[in-house]
Amino acid sequence: MASSSNDEEQNLENMFEDYFEQQIDVMYNNIANYQPPVPRRRAYIERNREEGHNRLWNDYFSEEPTYPPHYFRRRFPMKRSLFTRIVNRFSNEVPYFQHRRYAVGRFGLSPLQKCTAAIRMFSYGCAGDMVGEYLRMGETTALLCLEKFTEGIIDLYGEEYLRRPTPEDLQRLLDIREVHGFPGMIGSIDCMHWEEPTIVLEAVASQDLWIWHTFFGPPGALNDIDVLDRSPVFDDIIYGRAPTVEFTVNGHKYHRAYYLTDGIYPKWPTFIQSISIPQGPKDVLFAERQEAARKDVERAFGVLQARFAIVRNPALLWEKEKISNITRACIILHNMIVEEERDGYIRYDISEFVEGETSRSSEVDFSFSTNMPSNLGNILAIRSELRDQRKHQRLKTDLIENIFAKFGNQQS
């Protein structure tokens, strides 16, 4: 019995040694015969970028361009002077847009080509390879131009063109709206919705289409009220950073400016809605005037989408942060265009508030200091005041009387 047991153990040991040696041979042969794959070289396409720059220059930027100014204004949604100013600043202050030589001694794409690629994608909402054929660049390069252009616009111009209204800005807005029968009103507020993905943009706009405030609501099925609950639109007021505004309507004095809104917003003294079923001539006139003035933000959304199709089309491939940055850059460009061109389409006379003694009933306190300490008691008191429905109803009643007193005799 002992002899047979020893023989079995010896056989198992021999079998294991044979198997082990066999596996070692297989591994050795695999290593010895291994041939690394030949790396595929990236296909190089000679696009002749110098020709692309020359053609772009001759088409739009030479002394006698191929296409007249109205073609430029349609394809670049701004005047040539404004676009040229942007390109010059980018070429001086943004390294990516500086014209450099490569190691082989050849110049890369010009700042004009890079900025044009980005602005065309903004304007038409097209893919990167659609602009590459005319401008002589690859798709990845065009997308990189879009990303760098977006960052540059926000960094260089965001502080100026996405600023909060200064006291001077507020006074001008108050004067304009007082002429139209709404003393104390500084703009209209509404939301714009994307379906894919579901993201909401809250904005405040004035009559000249300048967008003063923007806030992106988080993704999800949110309506305007849900976005308002998360919005910082009243933060400056709550924390004592906003200038003080005083105005008088129908003999009553108020200390908080307000926005015009549609019916979904709450009945707060900072929001004035229309009258859905007006009864009597006063209510009818107020509803007409309020709805006409409230369309400022709707007009601003419409003009923004007409100028920049990239914010009109569904954003199927981009994250929320990229959508936010691109839309923020479009709003900055929109405000730059408004500043450049509003004298050509806005007509309002506020000379009565500028010359000598005035009948101005809305005023900003220019001596107001924002370095005021805030505490929890002050914050809670201001939040409660901003939601006072009785004050809302009194202000709305006073505005109805003011509108009728100012424009009632004009009704036929």
Protein backbone atom coordinates (compact mmCIF):
# COMPACT_ATOMS: atom_id res chain seq x y z
CA MET A 1 0.00 0.00 0.00
CA ALA A 2 2.78 2.40 0.90
CA SER A 3 4.63 1.66 -2.36
CA SER A 4 1.56 2.38 -4.54
CA SER A 5 0.90 5.64 -2.68
CA ASN A 6 4.46 6.83 -3.27
CA ASP A 7 4.15 6.00 -7.00
CA GLU A 8 0.97 8.12 -7.33
CA GLU A 9 2.60 11.09 -5.61
CA GLN A 10 5.61 10.79 -7.91
CA ASN A 11 3.37 10.67 -10.98
CA LEU A 12 1.45 13.79 -9.87
CA GLU A 13 4.71 15.61 -9.23
CA ASN A 14 6.01 14.71 -12.68
CA MET A 15 2.77 15.81 -14.33
CA PHE A 16 2.90 19.15 -12.53
CA GLU A 17 6.52 19.72 -13.56
CA ASP A 18 5.71 18.90 -17.19
CA TYR A 19 2.72 21.29 -17.19
CA PHE A 20 4.75 24.04 -15.54
CA GLU A 21 7.60 23.68 -18.07
CA GLN A 22 5.07 23.71 -20.91
CA GLN A 23 3.50 26.97 -19.69
CA ILE A 24 6.94 28.55 -19.29
CA ASP A 25 7.74 27.63 -22.90
CA VAL A 26 4.45 29.13 -24.12
CA MET A 27 5.11 32.38 -22.26
CA TYR A 28 8.66 32.56 -23.57
CA ASN A 29 7.55 32.02 -27.16
CA ASN A 30 4.84 34.69 -26.84
CA ILE A 31 7.37 37.19 -25.55
CA ALA A 32 9.97 36.28 -28.12
CA ASN A 33 7.53 36.45 -31.03
CA TYR A 34 5.71 39.62 -29.89
CA GLN A 35 5.73 42.46 -32.39
CA PRO A 36 4.32 45.78 -31.19
CA PRO A 37 1.68 47.27 -33.50
CA VAL A 38 2.92 49.93 -35.84
CA PRO A 39 1.49 53.27 -34.61
CA ARG A 40 -0.85 54.87 -37.09
CA ARG A 41 0.25 58.30 -38.05
CA ARG A 42 -2.38 60.99 -37.91
CA ALA A 43 -3.54 61.93 -41.38
CA TYR A 44 -2.23 65.36 -42.29
CA ILE A 45 -4.31 67.56 -44.54
CA GLU A 46 -2.68 70.60 -46.04
CA ARG A 47 -5.46 73.15 -45.76
CA ASN A 48 -3.42 76.17 -46.86
CA ARG A 49 -4.48 78.35 -43.94
CA GLU A 50 -2.74 81.40 -45.42
CA GLU A 51 -5.16 81.27 -48.34
CA GLY A 52 -8.04 81.04 -45.89
CA HIS A 53 -6.89 84.18 -44.08
CA ASN A 54 -6.42 86.11 -47.33
CA ARG A 55 -9.85 85.14 -48.61
CA LEU A 56 -11.49 86.10 -45.30
CA TRP A 57 -9.68 89.44 -45.31
CA ASN A 58 -10.64 90.24 -48.90
CA ASP A 59 -14.26 89.19 -48.36
CA TYR A 60 -14.97 91.29 -45.25
CA PHE A 61 -12.06 93.36 -43.90
CA SER A 62 -10.21 94.98 -46.79
CA GLU A 63 -10.76 98.59 -47.82
CA GLU A 64 -13.03 97.40 -50.64
CA PRO A 65 -14.47 94.10 -49.34
CA THR A 66 -16.32 91.67 -51.56
CA TYR A 67 -19.40 91.77 -49.32
CA PRO A 68 -20.93 95.12 -48.25
CA PRO A 69 -21.54 96.06 -44.57
CA HIS A 70 -25.08 94.66 -44.37
CA TYR A 71 -23.75 91.22 -45.34
CA PHE A 72 -21.16 91.49 -42.58
CA ARG A 73 -23.85 92.55 -40.10
CA ARG A 74 -25.93 89.51 -41.02
CA ARG A 75 -23.15 86.90 -40.95
CA PHE A 76 -21.32 88.34 -37.96
CA PRO A 77 -24.20 89.58 -35.78
CA MET A 78 -22.50 92.93 -35.13
CA LYS A 79 -20.84 95.83 -36.91
CA ARG A 80 -17.36 95.38 -38.30
CA SER A 81 -15.92 98.04 -35.98
CA LEU A 82 -17.05 96.12 -32.89
CA PHE A 83 -15.80 92.76 -34.16
CA THR A 84 -12.45 94.25 -35.13
CA ARG A 85 -12.11 95.76 -31.68
CA ILE A 86 -12.73 92.35 -30.10
CA VAL A 87 -10.19 90.64 -32.38
CA ASN A 88 -7.53 93.24 -31.62
CA ARG A 89 -7.98 92.87 -27.87
CA PHE A 90 -7.92 89.09 -28.09
CA SER A 91 -4.72 89.13 -30.14
CA ASN A 92 -3.07 91.33 -27.50
CA GLU A 93 -4.36 89.78 -24.27
CA VAL A 94 -5.27 86.13 -24.93
CA PRO A 95 -2.26 83.90 -25.71
CA TYR A 96 -4.23 81.40 -27.79
CA PHE A 97 -5.30 84.13 -30.23
CA GLN A 98 -1.84 85.61 -30.72
CA HIS A 99 -0.33 85.06 -34.17
CA ARG A 100 2.74 82.85 -33.67
CA ARG A 101 5.25 81.02 -35.81
CA TYR A 102 5.60 77.28 -35.51
CA ALA A 103 8.98 75.61 -35.04
CA VAL A 104 9.19 75.11 -38.81
CA GLY A 105 9.00 78.89 -39.31
CA ARG A 106 5.43 78.92 -40.63
CA PHE A 107 2.67 81.05 -39.09
CA GLY A 108 -0.38 79.37 -37.57
CA LEU A 109 -3.99 80.43 -37.95
CA SER A 110 -4.52 84.17 -37.65
CA PRO A 111 -6.55 85.73 -34.80
CA LEU A 112 -9.08 86.79 -37.42
CA GLN A 113 -9.64 83.19 -38.53
CA LYS A 114 -9.98 81.90 -34.97
CA CYS A 115 -12.43 84.60 -33.86
CA THR A 116 -14.44 84.24 -37.06
CA ALA A 117 -14.74 80.47 -36.52
CA ALA A 118 -16.12 81.03 -33.02
CA ILE A 119 -18.52 83.84 -33.96
CA ARG A 120 -19.86 81.84 -36.93
CA MET A 121 -20.61 78.91 -34.63
CA PHE A 122 -22.30 81.31 -32.23
CA SER A 123 -24.35 82.87 -35.03
CA TYR A 124 -25.42 79.76 -36.91
CA GLY A 125 -25.28 77.12 -34.16
CA CYS A 126 -23.44 74.83 -36.56
CA ALA A 127 -20.91 72.04 -36.06
CA GLY A 128 -17.19 72.74 -36.06
CA ASP A 129 -16.46 71.14 -39.41
CA MET A 130 -18.95 73.41 -41.18
CA VAL A 131 -16.78 76.49 -40.62
CA GLY A 132 -13.50 74.69 -41.29
CA GLU A 133 -13.92 74.46 -45.04
CA TYR A 134 -14.12 78.21 -45.56
CA LEU A 135 -11.62 79.17 -42.86
CA ARG A 136 -9.17 76.32 -43.60
CA MET A 137 -9.07 74.64 -40.19
CA GLY A 138 -9.97 71.27 -38.71
CA GLU A 139 -13.06 70.48 -36.68
CA THR A 140 -11.18 70.04 -33.39
CA THR A 141 -9.42 73.36 -33.96
CA ALA A 142 -12.76 75.10 -34.59
CA LEU A 143 -14.22 73.66 -31.37
CA LEU A 144 -11.12 74.76 -29.46
CA CYS A 145 -11.54 78.26 -30.92
CA LEU A 146 -15.14 78.26 -29.65
CA GLU A 147 -14.04 77.22 -26.16
CA LYS A 148 -11.19 79.76 -25.95
CA PHE A 149 -13.32 82.54 -27.43
CA THR A 150 -16.04 81.88 -24.85
CA GLU A 151 -13.53 82.01 -22.00
CA GLY A 152 -11.95 85.17 -23.40
CA ILE A 153 -15.25 87.03 -23.77
CA ILE A 154 -16.20 86.22 -20.16
CA ASP A 155 -12.76 87.11 -18.77
CA LEU A 156 -12.24 90.33 -20.73
CA TYR A 157 -15.76 91.75 -20.93
CA GLY A 158 -17.87 89.99 -18.28
CA GLU A 159 -17.18 92.46 -15.49
CA GLU A 160 -18.35 95.39 -17.62
CA TYR A 161 -21.20 93.90 -19.63
CA LEU A 162 -22.68 91.58 -16.98
CA ARG A 163 -22.39 94.14 -14.21
CA ARG A 164 -25.07 95.00 -11.70
CA PRO A 165 -26.74 98.33 -12.45
CA THR A 166 -24.77 101.22 -11.00
CA PRO A 167 -26.64 104.09 -9.29
CA GLU A 168 -26.35 106.04 -12.57
CA ASP A 169 -27.76 103.08 -14.52
CA LEU A 170 -30.64 102.76 -12.06
CA GLN A 171 -31.51 106.44 -12.32
CA ARG A 172 -31.60 106.26 -16.11
CA LEU A 173 -33.84 103.16 -16.00
CA LEU A 174 -36.16 104.83 -13.49
CA ASP A 175 -36.44 107.99 -15.60
CA ILE A 176 -37.27 106.04 -18.75
CA ARG A 177 -40.01 104.04 -17.05
CA GLU A 178 -41.45 107.06 -15.28
CA VAL A 179 -42.09 108.60 -18.71
CA HIS A 180 -44.14 105.48 -19.53
CA GLY A 181 -46.15 105.65 -16.32
CA PHE A 182 -44.25 103.15 -14.17
CA PRO A 183 -42.17 105.10 -11.62
CA GLY A 184 -39.95 102.78 -9.59
CA MET A 185 -39.79 100.07 -12.28
CA ILE A 186 -36.28 98.96 -13.29
CA GLY A 187 -36.98 96.15 -15.77
CA SER A 188 -38.96 93.03 -16.57
CA ILE A 189 -38.07 89.51 -15.49
CA ASP A 190 -38.84 86.15 -17.10
CA CYS A 191 -37.30 82.76 -17.88
CA MET A 192 -36.19 81.06 -21.08
CA HIS A 193 -36.35 77.26 -21.24
CA TRP A 194 -34.30 74.64 -23.08
CA GLU A 195 -36.00 71.32 -23.71
CA GLU A 196 -32.86 69.26 -24.31
CA PRO A 197 -31.44 69.32 -21.70
CA THR A 198 -34.08 70.86 -19.43
CA ILE A 199 -32.33 74.01 -18.21
CA VAL A 200 -33.87 77.39 -17.38
CA LEU A 201 -32.31 80.83 -17.81
CA GLU A 202 -33.72 83.64 -15.66
CA ALA A 203 -33.04 87.16 -16.93
CA VAL A 204 -33.93 90.79 -16.32
CA ALA A 205 -34.02 93.16 -19.32
CA SER A 206 -34.66 96.85 -19.85
CA GLN A 207 -36.35 98.66 -22.71
CA ASP A 208 -33.16 99.01 -24.76
CA LEU A 209 -32.81 95.16 -24.62
CA TRP A 210 -29.81 95.28 -22.25
CA ILE A 211 -29.83 92.12 -20.10
CA TRP A 212 -28.94 93.08 -16.51
CA HIS A 213 -29.25 89.82 -14.64
CA THR A 214 -28.81 86.15 -15.57
CA PHE A 215 -29.18 82.99 -13.55
CA PHE A 216 -29.17 79.37 -14.67
CA GLY A 217 -31.55 77.12 -12.82
CA PRO A 218 -30.37 73.56 -12.12
CA PRO A 219 -31.37 70.82 -14.59
CA GLY A 220 -34.76 69.29 -14.10
CA ALA A 221 -38.45 69.97 -14.52
CA LEU A 222 -38.44 73.48 -13.02
CA ASN A 223 -40.87 76.31 -13.63
CA ASP A 224 -40.18 80.02 -13.14
CA ILE A 225 -41.09 79.91 -9.44
CA ASP A 226 -38.70 77.04 -8.70
CA VAL A 227 -35.91 78.99 -10.38
CA LEU A 228 -36.84 82.14 -8.44
CA ASP A 229 -36.48 80.24 -5.15
CA ARG A 230 -32.85 79.51 -6.06
CA SER A 231 -32.09 82.81 -7.80
CA PRO A 232 -29.78 85.49 -6.34
CA VAL A 233 -31.83 88.29 -7.93
CA PHE A 234 -32.67 89.82 -4.52
CA ASP A 235 -29.40 89.02 -2.74
CA ASP A 236 -28.04 92.56 -3.03
CA ILE A 237 -31.22 93.95 -1.47
CA ILE A 238 -31.32 91.36 1.32
CA TYR A 239 -27.67 91.85 2.28
CA GLY A 240 -27.72 95.63 2.01
CA ARG A 241 -25.56 95.94 -1.12
CA ALA A 242 -28.16 97.52 -3.43
CA PRO A 243 -28.52 101.31 -3.74
CA THR A 244 -31.60 102.78 -2.11
CA VAL A 245 -34.45 103.71 -4.48
CA GLU A 246 -37.33 105.98 -3.48
CA PHE A 247 -40.33 106.80 -5.63
CA THR A 248 -43.79 108.26 -5.22
CA VAL A 249 -46.94 106.90 -6.89
CA ASN A 250 -50.41 108.39 -6.41
CA GLY A 251 -49.19 110.29 -3.35
CA HIS A 252 -47.69 107.25 -1.60
CA LYS A 253 -43.94 106.83 -1.10
CA TYR A 254 -42.14 103.50 -1.67
CA HIS A 255 -38.58 102.37 -0.99
CA ARG A 256 -38.14 99.25 -3.16
CA ALA A 257 -37.91 99.16 -6.95
CA TYR A 258 -39.94 96.50 -8.74
CA TYR A 259 -40.03 94.35 -11.90
CA LEU A 260 -42.88 93.68 -14.30
CA THR A 261 -43.73 89.98 -14.60
CA ASP A 262 -46.27 87.57 -15.98
CA GLY A 263 -48.93 85.92 -13.84
CA ILE A 264 -46.88 82.97 -12.55
CA TYR A 265 -44.77 85.10 -10.23
CA PRO A 266 -45.90 85.64 -6.60
CA LYS A 267 -47.74 88.75 -5.47
CA TRP A 268 -44.78 90.52 -3.88
CA PRO A 269 -44.21 94.29 -3.91
CA THR A 270 -41.14 93.65 -6.07
CA PHE A 271 -43.30 92.02 -8.79
CA ILE A 272 -46.17 93.73 -10.60
CA GLN A 273 -48.35 91.53 -12.81
CA SER A 274 -51.02 92.41 -15.33
CA ILE A 275 -54.75 91.99 -14.73
CA SER A 276 -55.94 88.80 -16.39
CA ILE A 277 -59.63 89.81 -16.54
CA PRO A 278 -59.70 93.64 -16.40
CA GLN A 279 -62.93 95.29 -15.31
CA GLY A 280 -63.46 98.90 -16.26
CA PRO A 281 -61.38 101.39 -18.25
CA LYS A 282 -58.67 101.83 -15.56
CA ASP A 283 -57.93 98.11 -15.37
CA VAL A 284 -58.01 97.75 -19.16
CA LEU A 285 -55.54 100.60 -19.66
CA PHE A 286 -53.23 99.31 -16.94
CA ALA A 287 -53.25 95.79 -18.42
CA GLU A 288 -52.39 97.15 -21.87
CA ARG A 289 -49.53 99.30 -20.56
CA GLN A 290 -48.13 96.60 -18.27
CA GLU A 291 -48.19 93.89 -20.92
CA ALA A 292 -46.56 96.20 -23.47
CA ALA A 293 -43.77 97.15 -21.06
CA ARG A 294 -43.29 93.58 -19.83
CA LYS A 295 -42.45 92.45 -23.34
CA ASP A 296 -38.98 93.97 -22.97
CA VAL A 297 -37.55 90.72 -21.62
CA GLU A 298 -39.41 88.67 -24.25
CA ARG A 299 -37.97 90.92 -26.96
CA ALA A 300 -34.51 90.54 -25.44
CA PHE A 301 -34.83 86.73 -25.53
CA GLY A 302 -36.04 86.86 -29.12
CA VAL A 303 -33.22 89.13 -30.29
CA LEU A 304 -30.64 87.05 -28.40
CA GLN A 305 -31.82 83.86 -30.11
CA ALA A 306 -32.02 85.56 -33.52
CA ARG A 307 -28.45 86.80 -33.22
CA PHE A 308 -27.00 83.61 -31.76
CA ALA A 309 -28.61 80.41 -32.97
CA ILE A 310 -26.34 78.44 -30.64
CA VAL A 311 -28.67 79.38 -27.73
CA ARG A 312 -31.80 78.54 -29.73
CA ASN A 313 -31.05 74.97 -30.78
CA PRO A 314 -31.22 71.99 -28.39
CA ALA A 315 -27.83 71.45 -26.74
CA LEU A 316 -27.64 67.69 -27.11
CA LEU A 317 -23.90 67.18 -26.67
CA TRP A 318 -22.81 69.78 -24.10
CA GLU A 319 -22.78 69.79 -20.32
CA LYS A 320 -24.66 72.33 -18.24
CA GLU A 321 -21.46 74.24 -17.43
CA LYS A 322 -20.62 74.61 -21.12
CA ILE A 323 -24.17 75.70 -21.94
CA SER A 324 -23.95 78.26 -19.16
CA ASN A 325 -20.60 79.66 -20.33
CA ILE A 326 -21.61 79.84 -23.99
CA THR A 327 -24.91 81.53 -23.17
CA ARG A 328 -23.17 83.93 -20.79
CA ALA A 329 -20.73 84.84 -23.57
CA CYS A 330 -23.64 85.37 -25.99
CA ILE A 331 -25.33 87.69 -23.49
CA ILE A 332 -22.11 89.69 -23.10
CA LEU A 333 -21.83 90.03 -26.88
CA HIS A 334 -25.52 90.92 -27.04
CA ASN A 335 -25.03 93.73 -24.52
CA MET A 336 -21.98 94.97 -26.43
CA ILE A 337 -24.09 95.14 -29.58
CA VAL A 338 -26.87 96.94 -27.69
CA GLU A 339 -24.39 99.53 -26.43
CA GLU A 340 -23.08 100.03 -29.97
CA GLU A 341 -26.44 100.26 -31.74
CA ARG A 342 -29.23 101.25 -29.31
CA ASP A 343 -29.15 104.91 -30.33
CA GLY A 344 -30.42 103.77 -33.72
CA TYR A 345 -33.56 101.99 -32.48
CA ILE A 346 -34.42 103.53 -29.09
CA ARG A 347 -36.26 106.83 -28.90
CA TYR A 348 -37.12 108.21 -25.48
CA ASP A 349 -37.05 111.74 -24.15
CA ILE A 350 -35.91 112.09 -20.54
CA SER A 351 -34.73 115.68 -20.95
CA GLU A 352 -37.32 116.86 -18.41
CA PHE A 353 -35.34 114.97 -15.74
CA VAL A 354 -31.98 116.42 -16.74
CA GLU A 355 -32.60 120.14 -17.05
CA GLY A 356 -33.00 122.35 -13.96
CA GLU A 357 -35.93 121.77 -11.63
CA THR A 358 -37.61 118.46 -12.37
CA SER A 359 -40.80 116.64 -11.53
CA ARG A 360 -38.90 113.36 -11.05
CA SER A 361 -40.69 111.10 -8.60
CA SER A 362 -38.16 108.22 -8.71
CA GLU A 363 -34.70 108.83 -7.31
CA VAL A 364 -31.62 106.80 -6.39
CA ASP A 365 -29.72 107.71 -3.24
CA PHE A 366 -26.23 108.35 -4.63
CA SER A 367 -24.84 108.79 -1.11
CA PHE A 368 -25.87 105.28 -0.13
CA SER A 369 -23.03 103.18 1.30
CA THR A 370 -22.87 99.44 0.63
CA ASN A 371 -20.46 98.96 3.53
CA MET A 372 -23.31 98.54 5.99
CA PRO A 373 -23.15 95.67 8.47
CA SER A 374 -25.93 93.13 8.09
CA ASN A 375 -27.22 90.75 10.71
CA LEU A 376 -29.80 88.01 10.82
CA GLY A 377 -32.48 90.34 12.15
CA ASN A 378 -32.04 92.81 9.27
CA ILE A 379 -31.99 90.02 6.70
CA LEU A 380 -35.21 88.43 7.99
CA ALA A 381 -36.93 91.82 8.15
CA ILE A 382 -36.00 92.63 4.54
CA ARG A 383 -37.10 89.19 3.34
CA SER A 384 -40.44 89.68 5.05
CA GLU A 385 -40.81 93.14 3.47
CA LEU A 386 -40.05 91.76 0.01
CA ARG A 387 -42.96 89.31 0.39
CA ASP A 388 -45.57 91.68 1.86
CA GLN A 389 -48.72 91.02 -0.21
CA ARG A 390 -50.61 93.98 1.26
CA LYS A 391 -47.89 96.35 0.07
CA HIS A 392 -48.01 94.65 -3.33
CA GLN A 393 -51.75 95.29 -3.63
CA ARG A 394 -51.41 98.92 -2.55
CA LEU A 395 -48.59 99.56 -5.04
CA LYS A 396 -50.55 97.93 -7.85
CA THR A 397 -53.63 100.03 -7.03
CA ASP A 398 -51.52 103.19 -7.03
CA LEU A 399 -49.97 102.28 -10.37
CA ILE A 400 -53.42 101.71 -11.88
CA GLU A 401 -54.47 105.19 -10.77
CA ASN A 402 -51.19 106.72 -12.00
CA ILE A 403 -51.46 105.12 -15.44
CA PHE A 404 -55.05 106.28 -15.86
CA ALA A 405 -54.22 109.83 -14.70
CA LYS A 406 -51.30 110.02 -17.15
CA PHE A 407 -52.78 108.31 -20.21
CA GLY A 408 -56.52 108.02 -19.63
CA ASN A 409 -57.35 111.09 -21.70
CA GLN A 410 -55.58 109.52 -24.70
CA GLN A 411 -58.12 106.72 -25.02
CA SER A 412 -60.59 107.11 -27.83
